[in-house]
Every structure is written in C-alpha cells, then in structure tokens.
Protein backbone atom coordinates (compact mmCIF):
# COMPACT_ATOMS: atom_id res chain seq x y z
CA UNK A 1 -46.90 168.44 91.31
CA UNK A 2 -44.67 171.48 91.91
CA UNK A 3 -45.55 174.68 90.12
CA UNK A 4 -42.55 176.34 88.49
CA UNK A 5 -42.77 179.96 89.61
CA UNK A 6 -40.38 181.13 86.89
CA UNK A 7 -42.50 179.55 84.15
CA UNK A 8 -45.62 181.40 85.31
CA UNK A 9 -43.74 184.69 85.66
CA UNK A 10 -42.33 184.29 82.16
CA UNK A 11 -45.83 183.54 80.84
CA UNK A 12 -47.22 186.74 82.39
CA UNK A 13 -44.35 188.86 81.06
CA UNK A 14 -44.73 187.41 77.54
CA UNK A 15 -48.46 188.10 77.72
CA UNK A 16 -47.82 191.73 78.65
CA UNK A 17 -45.07 192.31 76.09
CA UNK A 18 -46.96 190.74 73.20
CA UNK A 19 -50.51 191.91 73.91
CA UNK A 20 -50.46 194.72 76.53
CA UNK A 21 -47.08 196.41 76.29
CA UNK A 22 -48.56 199.92 76.21
CA UNK A 23 -51.40 199.10 78.60
CA UNK A 24 -49.53 197.87 81.69
CA UNK A 25 -47.07 199.80 83.86
CA UNK A 26 -45.83 197.12 86.24
CA UNK A 27 -46.09 193.43 87.12
CA UNK A 28 -45.69 192.81 90.85
CA UNK A 29 -45.30 189.99 93.36
CA UNK A 30 -45.69 189.82 97.14
CA UNK A 31 -45.53 186.59 99.14
CA UNK A 32 -46.58 187.74 102.58
CA UNK A 33 -50.27 186.82 102.19
CA UNK A 34 -49.50 183.30 100.95
CA UNK A 35 -49.40 180.18 103.09
CA UNK A 36 -45.84 179.15 103.93
CA UNK A 37 -46.27 175.91 102.01
CA UNK A 38 -47.24 177.82 98.87
CA UNK A 39 -44.69 180.63 99.05
CA UNK A 40 -42.31 179.04 96.56
CA UNK A 41 -45.14 178.61 94.06
CA UNK A 42 -45.89 182.34 94.14
CA UNK A 43 -45.18 183.90 90.78
CA UNK A 44 -47.09 187.15 90.22
CA UNK A 45 -49.66 188.86 92.41
CA UNK A 46 -51.03 191.90 90.61
CA UNK A 47 -50.26 194.55 88.03
CA UNK A 48 -50.66 198.28 87.51
CA UNK A 49 -52.69 199.13 84.40
CA UNK A 50 -51.72 202.08 82.22
CA UNK A 51 -54.94 202.21 80.19
CA UNK A 52 -58.48 200.92 80.48
CA UNK A 53 -57.53 198.25 77.94
CA UNK A 54 -55.05 196.93 80.49
CA UNK A 55 -57.99 195.59 82.48
CA UNK A 56 -58.26 192.77 79.95
CA UNK A 57 -55.02 191.24 81.24
CA UNK A 58 -56.79 190.18 84.45
CA UNK A 59 -57.00 186.40 84.81
CA UNK A 60 -57.87 183.82 87.45
CA UNK A 61 -57.07 180.10 87.28
CA UNK A 62 -56.07 177.10 89.41
CA UNK A 63 -52.93 174.97 89.01
CA UNK A 64 -52.32 171.92 91.20
CA UNK A 65 -54.90 173.10 93.70
CA UNK A 66 -53.45 176.60 94.05
CA UNK A 67 -55.56 179.53 92.89
CA UNK A 68 -53.88 182.34 90.98
CA UNK A 69 -55.30 185.81 90.53
CA UNK A 70 -53.63 188.26 88.17
CA UNK A 71 -55.58 191.40 89.04
CA UNK A 72 -55.17 195.16 88.47
CA UNK A 73 -54.53 197.78 91.15
CA UNK A 74 -54.70 201.36 89.88
CA UNK A 75 -52.19 204.07 90.70
CA UNK A 76 -54.95 205.81 92.65
CA UNK A 77 -55.33 202.81 94.92
CA UNK A 78 -51.56 202.51 95.38
CA UNK A 79 -51.69 206.11 96.60
CA UNK A 80 -54.21 205.00 99.25
CA UNK A 81 -51.84 202.22 100.31
CA UNK A 82 -49.01 204.75 100.62
CA UNK A 83 -51.19 206.98 102.80
CA UNK A 84 -52.13 204.03 105.09
CA UNK A 85 -55.77 204.07 104.00
CA UNK A 86 -55.94 200.42 102.87
CA UNK A 87 -55.98 197.30 105.02
CA UNK A 88 -53.28 194.98 103.63
CA UNK A 89 -50.39 197.44 103.47
CA UNK A 90 -48.05 194.53 102.78
CA UNK A 91 -49.28 194.66 99.16
CA UNK A 92 -47.23 197.84 98.76
CA UNK A 93 -44.61 197.44 101.47
CA UNK A 94 -43.42 193.99 100.39
CA UNK A 95 -44.05 194.03 96.64
CA UNK A 96 -41.25 193.16 94.23
CA UNK A 97 -41.28 194.51 90.70
CA UNK A 98 -41.12 191.65 88.18
CA UNK A 99 -41.49 193.78 85.06
CA UNK A 100 -41.65 197.52 84.40
CA UNK A 101 -42.79 199.30 81.26
CA UNK A 102 -40.42 202.23 81.91
CA UNK A 103 -37.92 203.37 84.49
CA UNK A 104 -40.33 206.15 85.44
CA UNK A 105 -43.00 203.57 86.28
CA UNK A 106 -40.49 201.73 88.45
CA UNK A 107 -39.43 204.90 90.25
CA UNK A 108 -43.04 205.99 90.76
CA UNK A 109 -43.84 202.73 92.52
CA UNK A 110 -40.68 202.80 94.60
CA UNK A 111 -41.45 206.36 95.67
CA UNK A 112 -44.86 205.18 96.92
CA UNK A 113 -43.15 202.43 98.91
CA UNK A 114 -40.85 205.05 100.44
CA UNK A 115 -43.85 207.27 101.21
CA UNK A 116 -45.55 204.40 103.02
CA UNK A 117 -42.43 203.76 105.11
CA UNK A 118 -42.26 207.46 106.03
CA UNK A 119 -45.95 207.58 106.92
CA UNK A 120 -45.58 204.53 109.14
CA UNK A 121 -43.11 206.57 111.21
CA UNK A 122 -45.42 209.60 111.49
CA UNK A 123 -47.14 209.33 114.90
CA UNK A 124 -49.70 212.04 114.11
CA UNK A 125 -50.86 210.43 110.86
CA UNK A 126 -50.81 206.94 112.37
CA UNK A 127 -52.93 208.09 115.30
CA UNK A 128 -55.51 209.37 112.83
CA UNK A 129 -55.44 206.03 111.02
CA UNK A 130 -55.92 204.25 114.36
CA UNK A 131 -59.01 206.41 114.90
CA UNK A 132 -60.22 205.59 111.38
CA UNK A 133 -59.92 201.83 111.92
CA UNK A 134 -61.58 202.07 115.33
CA UNK A 135 -64.44 203.93 113.68
CA UNK A 136 -64.65 201.13 111.09
CA UNK A 137 -65.09 198.68 113.98
CA UNK A 138 -67.88 200.83 115.44
CA UNK A 139 -69.61 200.84 112.04
CA UNK A 140 -69.47 197.05 111.83
CA UNK A 141 -70.71 196.80 115.40
CA UNK A 142 -73.71 199.04 114.69
CA UNK A 143 -74.64 196.74 111.80
CA UNK A 144 -74.07 193.67 113.96
CA UNK A 145 -76.54 194.90 116.59
CA UNK A 146 -79.42 194.63 114.12
CA UNK A 147 -78.42 191.16 112.92
CA UNK A 148 -80.18 188.01 114.09
CA UNK A 149 -78.51 185.67 111.59
CA UNK A 150 -75.64 183.94 113.37
CA UNK A 151 -73.39 183.76 110.30
CA UNK A 152 -73.67 187.54 109.74
CA UNK A 153 -72.97 188.27 113.41
CA UNK A 154 -69.85 186.11 113.16
CA UNK A 155 -68.82 187.87 109.96
CA UNK A 156 -69.04 191.27 111.65
CA UNK A 157 -67.22 189.97 114.73
CA UNK A 158 -64.33 188.79 112.58
CA UNK A 159 -64.05 192.13 110.84
CA UNK A 160 -64.15 193.95 114.18
CA UNK A 161 -61.26 191.82 115.48
CA UNK A 162 -59.11 192.43 112.43
CA UNK A 163 -59.64 196.19 112.10
CA UNK A 164 -59.09 196.71 115.82
CA UNK A 165 -55.84 194.75 115.50
CA UNK A 166 -54.82 197.16 112.76
CA UNK A 167 -55.75 200.14 114.97
CA UNK A 168 -53.42 198.80 117.67
CA UNK A 169 -50.70 198.27 115.06
CA UNK A 170 -51.10 201.89 113.91
CA UNK A 171 -50.49 203.14 117.46
CA UNK A 172 -47.25 201.11 117.35
CA UNK A 173 -46.31 202.68 113.98
CA UNK A 174 -46.56 199.29 112.30
CA UNK A 175 -48.68 197.37 109.84
CA UNK A 176 -49.74 193.73 109.88
CA UNK A 177 -47.32 192.05 107.45
CA UNK A 178 -49.43 188.93 106.89
CA UNK A 179 -52.91 190.47 106.83
CA UNK A 180 -55.35 188.36 108.81
CA UNK A 181 -52.74 185.63 109.39
CA UNK A 182 -50.64 185.70 112.56
CA UNK A 183 -52.34 188.74 114.05
CA UNK A 184 -52.24 187.48 117.63
CA UNK A 185 -48.52 186.75 117.41
CA UNK A 186 -47.88 190.19 115.93
CA UNK A 187 -49.95 191.87 118.64
CA UNK A 188 -48.18 190.04 121.44
CA UNK A 189 -44.87 191.32 120.11
CA UNK A 190 -45.92 194.98 120.05
CA UNK A 191 -44.60 197.44 122.60
CA UNK A 192 -48.02 199.01 123.21
CA UNK A 193 -51.32 197.14 123.43
CA UNK A 194 -54.46 197.35 125.56
CA UNK A 195 -54.09 194.90 128.46
CA UNK A 196 -56.15 191.81 127.73
CA UNK A 197 -56.81 192.69 124.09
CA UNK A 198 -55.51 189.44 122.61
CA UNK A 199 -57.47 187.45 125.17
CA UNK A 200 -60.69 189.24 124.24
CA UNK A 201 -59.89 188.72 120.55
CA UNK A 202 -59.68 184.96 121.15
CA UNK A 203 -62.83 184.92 123.29
CA UNK A 204 -64.77 186.57 120.46
CA UNK A 205 -63.60 183.86 118.05
CA UNK A 206 -64.51 181.06 120.45
CA UNK A 207 -67.90 182.50 121.49
CA UNK A 208 -70.74 180.21 120.46
CA UNK A 209 -73.74 182.51 120.81
CA UNK A 210 -74.47 185.66 118.82
CA UNK A 211 -75.30 187.68 121.93
CA UNK A 212 -72.03 186.71 123.55
CA UNK A 213 -70.09 187.84 120.48
CA UNK A 214 -71.96 191.15 120.48
CA UNK A 215 -71.17 191.73 124.15
CA UNK A 216 -67.49 190.87 123.75
CA UNK A 217 -67.18 193.06 120.64
CA UNK A 218 -68.63 195.99 122.56
CA UNK A 219 -66.09 195.44 125.34
CA UNK A 220 -63.20 195.17 122.89
CA UNK A 221 -64.14 198.30 120.94
CA UNK A 222 -64.42 200.32 124.15
CA UNK A 223 -61.02 199.02 125.23
CA UNK A 224 -59.32 200.00 121.96
CA UNK A 225 -61.05 203.40 121.86
CA UNK A 226 -59.63 204.20 125.30
CA UNK A 227 -56.21 202.88 124.25
CA UNK A 228 -56.07 204.99 121.07
CA UNK A 229 -57.22 208.08 122.97
CA UNK A 230 -54.59 207.54 125.67
CA UNK A 231 -51.88 207.33 122.98
CA UNK A 232 -52.77 210.55 121.16
CA UNK A 233 -49.39 212.23 120.43
CA UNK A 234 -51.07 215.65 120.28
CA UNK A 235 -52.96 215.38 123.57
CA UNK A 236 -50.23 216.77 125.78
CA UNK A 237 -49.66 219.87 123.63
CA UNK A 238 -53.39 220.51 123.47
CA UNK A 239 -53.68 220.22 127.23
CA UNK A 240 -50.61 222.37 127.82
CA UNK A 241 -52.12 225.82 127.34
CA UNK A 242 -55.93 225.78 127.27
CA UNK A 243 -57.52 229.06 126.26
CA UNK A 244 -60.33 229.65 128.73
CA UNK A 245 -61.52 232.62 126.68
CA UNK A 246 -62.54 230.01 124.11
CA UNK A 247 -64.49 228.18 126.81
CA UNK A 248 -66.17 231.44 127.83
CA UNK A 249 -67.21 232.13 124.23
CA UNK A 250 -68.65 228.63 124.06
CA UNK A 251 -70.57 229.24 127.30
CA UNK A 252 -72.03 232.53 125.98
CA UNK A 253 -73.48 230.55 123.08
CA UNK A 254 -74.60 227.48 125.03
CA UNK A 255 -76.18 229.42 127.88
CA UNK A 256 -79.35 229.63 125.81
CA UNK A 257 -79.45 225.82 125.57
CA UNK A 258 -79.35 225.65 129.36
CA UNK A 259 -82.23 228.16 129.34
CA UNK A 260 -84.21 225.86 127.02
CA UNK A 261 -83.65 222.88 129.30
CA UNK A 262 -84.79 224.85 132.34
CA UNK A 263 -87.87 226.09 130.46
CA UNK A 264 -89.03 222.63 129.43
CA UNK A 265 -88.32 221.21 132.87
CA UNK A 266 -90.50 223.95 134.38
CA UNK A 267 -93.22 223.12 131.81
CA UNK A 268 -93.08 219.41 132.72
CA UNK A 269 -92.31 218.71 129.05
CA UNK A 270 -90.20 215.56 129.30
CA UNK A 271 -89.73 215.08 125.54
CA UNK A 272 -88.29 218.54 124.86
CA UNK A 273 -86.34 218.62 128.11
CA UNK A 274 -84.73 215.32 127.12
CA UNK A 275 -83.92 216.19 123.49
CA UNK A 276 -82.40 219.58 124.33
CA UNK A 277 -80.49 218.08 127.20
CA UNK A 278 -79.03 215.48 124.82
CA UNK A 279 -77.66 218.30 122.68
CA UNK A 280 -76.33 220.07 125.78
CA UNK A 281 -74.75 216.87 127.11
CA UNK A 282 -72.82 216.30 123.89
CA UNK A 283 -71.42 219.84 124.01
CA UNK A 284 -70.62 219.69 127.72
CA UNK A 285 -68.85 216.35 127.32
CA UNK A 286 -66.71 217.49 124.39
CA UNK A 287 -65.66 220.84 125.86
CA UNK A 288 -65.37 219.47 129.36
CA UNK A 289 -62.97 216.79 128.19
CA UNK A 290 -60.92 219.32 126.22
CA UNK A 291 -60.55 221.57 129.26
CA UNK A 292 -60.05 218.83 131.83
CA UNK A 293 -63.41 219.25 133.57
CA UNK A 294 -64.24 215.92 135.20
CA UNK A 295 -67.81 216.67 136.31
CA UNK A 296 -69.88 216.61 133.10
CA UNK A 297 -72.76 214.16 133.64
CA UNK A 298 -76.23 215.70 133.31
CA UNK A 299 -78.41 213.03 131.70
CA UNK A 300 -77.99 210.38 134.38
CA UNK A 301 -80.39 212.53 136.43
CA UNK A 302 -83.14 212.38 133.81
CA UNK A 303 -86.45 210.97 135.01
CA UNK A 304 -89.52 211.79 132.96
CA UNK A 305 -91.56 211.90 136.16
CA UNK A 306 -89.08 214.06 138.06
CA UNK A 307 -87.85 216.88 135.83
CA UNK A 308 -86.90 219.15 138.76
CA UNK A 309 -84.07 216.70 139.48
CA UNK A 310 -82.78 217.16 135.93
CA UNK A 311 -83.06 220.92 136.29
CA UNK A 312 -81.01 220.90 139.49
CA UNK A 313 -78.33 218.76 137.89
CA UNK A 314 -78.13 220.97 134.80
CA UNK A 315 -77.84 224.03 137.04
CA UNK A 316 -75.01 222.37 138.97
CA UNK A 317 -73.04 221.53 135.81
CA UNK A 318 -73.59 225.04 134.49
CA UNK A 319 -72.15 226.44 137.71
CA UNK A 320 -69.15 224.09 137.44
CA UNK A 321 -68.32 225.50 134.01
CA UNK A 322 -68.83 229.10 135.15
CA UNK A 323 -66.49 228.57 138.12
CA UNK A 324 -63.81 226.98 135.92
CA UNK A 325 -63.95 229.93 133.50
CA UNK A 326 -63.81 232.58 136.19
CA UNK A 327 -61.18 230.81 138.30
CA UNK A 328 -58.88 230.94 135.26
CA UNK A 329 -59.08 234.71 135.08
CA UNK A 330 -61.66 235.06 132.31
CA UNK A 331 -64.68 237.29 132.80
CA UNK A 332 -67.99 236.07 131.42
CA UNK A 333 -69.43 238.80 129.20
CA UNK A 334 -72.93 239.21 130.69
CA UNK A 335 -75.16 242.17 131.60
CA UNK A 336 -78.29 242.60 133.71
CA UNK A 337 -80.04 244.73 131.04
CA UNK A 338 -79.82 246.17 127.52
CA UNK A 339 -79.03 249.54 129.06
CA UNK A 340 -76.03 248.07 130.84
CA UNK A 341 -74.83 246.46 127.63
CA UNK A 342 -75.17 249.71 125.63
CA UNK A 343 -73.48 251.74 128.34
CA UNK A 344 -70.42 249.53 128.26
CA UNK A 345 -70.33 248.80 124.54
CA UNK A 346 -71.37 252.20 123.21
C-alpha cells in the first residue's frame, strides 16, 4: 500500500484550519531524516504552536508500517537550532513550509533559516560549538566509566561517536544533513578531519567488550579534542602579541601557592602537598599553554615517600616561569622587606 502524501498533508491542514487556526503558526516538512524508501510517503514533520492550546494538535499514528509523528517545536527551540545549539540542524535547514498562519510567521521562520546559514559560515561561533559537542562527549564518557551494564556502555559509545562527528562537522562549517545516518560518508568527504577518526568510529561500533569500547572512546575523544584545539581560528591572534605583564601579575598571585607546596613538602605532609600542587598544576598548565611555555609538568614527580623530589620539580618550574617573564622585558614586582616596599611605593 502506498501512502498518499498529499492526502495526509491536506488532512493536517484541515485539522489546523478547523480546530487550531489561532493556535498554530506553521506546519512544516523535512525529508532528510527519513529512509530513502519512505521519502515519498513523507507528508508533515512538525508544527510551530502559537498558544498552549496548540499542543493538542500533536498526534502519532502508523499507516502501512510507517510511523507518523505530528509534534510541536516552539519558537524558542527554533532559535536554538538557528544558533547551532541543537543536534539535528536539518530540521531547520531543510524544512519546507506547508502552511502558514500569517506572512509574518512565514518570514520569521525563513529569517531563522537564514540565521542558521550565516552561523554555519562563522568560524568563531562554529569553533565554540565544536568545543560544546566535544564537551558533551566527555560528559557521556564520564558516565560510561561508571557503567558495568553492557547495553548502557554501548548507548554511551554511540552518543560519543555521533556528537564527535558533529564536532568535526562544526570545524568544517557544516552540519550533518541526515542526522545519525550516513555520518561516515559525510566525514570522509570533509576537508578537515582527524586522521583515523572514521576508522576509530567504526572500531567502537564493532567492539564486543565494554572495556574495549571505553578505551576506544577515550582515544577518540582525545583525538577530536586535539583536532578542535588545532583548528581554533582565534589561536593565532591570541599567540601574536602575548602580554607578559599579565603573566607577571599571575605569578605575583600564584607565588604564594608555590610557597604552600614547599611548606607541605618540608613538613612531609603528602596530602596537602598533593592537593595544593594539583591547584598549582592546573594554573601552570593553563597559563603556560597560553604563553607558549612547553615545560609545565610538576605532578609527574609526586611520590608520597619522596616529597623533596616534588619540591625540586616545583622550584624548577617556578624558575622557568620567572625566566620567561624577565626575558621578555617585564620586571617582577618583589621586595626583600616591607621597608623596601614602602621606600619605593611611598
């Protein structure tokens, strides 16, 4: 049996015009998430409600084995689509208006479609969205780590693959036009992609054991994180003119954290030496990366039974930062005594 698309569309429009004329803004259709064999049977996809009463138009049913879902998407959510904050951007990008309450409703929707197209060409915004989707993968991975149930591990692994694919698409200023379908083909056709990403994607899907999927997901997330970072459109301008006075100000503040680490090392207090060094390591890593300082590792030297080794390493990294600041013509604002400070600062 072939479903007559026009008959279903006419039914939905009659339903709106007779029962919900003031409660619905638009009736919409997009085919890109349908199977090819069902594309011709696609009538409507969703609608935009104008009032809370418009929610009553929602309907699900099955005809000749094909499920239909007439569901509402609010203007607020369409705004999220336009700002590249939703997953299946095709819902906005490829929607066709089947019925409009007013010309203003039609123009409002078309303006959101235009906004999406403009945002997809904005490398700064799309880089942020790539970061957002990579973070979503990290969130799923953190939940996966505490899962022992194989079906839940597989569920998380699938989500990680799909959101990382979207992160890669964002770097390429694109979206995935068929959602979860055809992602590997889309990725292989993109100008930029992490080498080996599609192969890892497939290995995750084919992995039989939960631990193997966890390991491969970790590898894939790390790969995409590095890829997104390497394709930051603002990185070059940020690196162009670093302000080493800013680094000196940071050092003035953080010098007391170094002092804490040294104190607890001298007291053989492994717990406090470790926790304060964790805080220091985070700061050193962030500022070191921003200012191009390669030598930033302190914590690899931690040994609860050998805190002097940690102290020596922390001292070395502190000296690295001091030398970088001073070699770039910035004087560290330090004094041997309160008298010296008052003499200079009145």
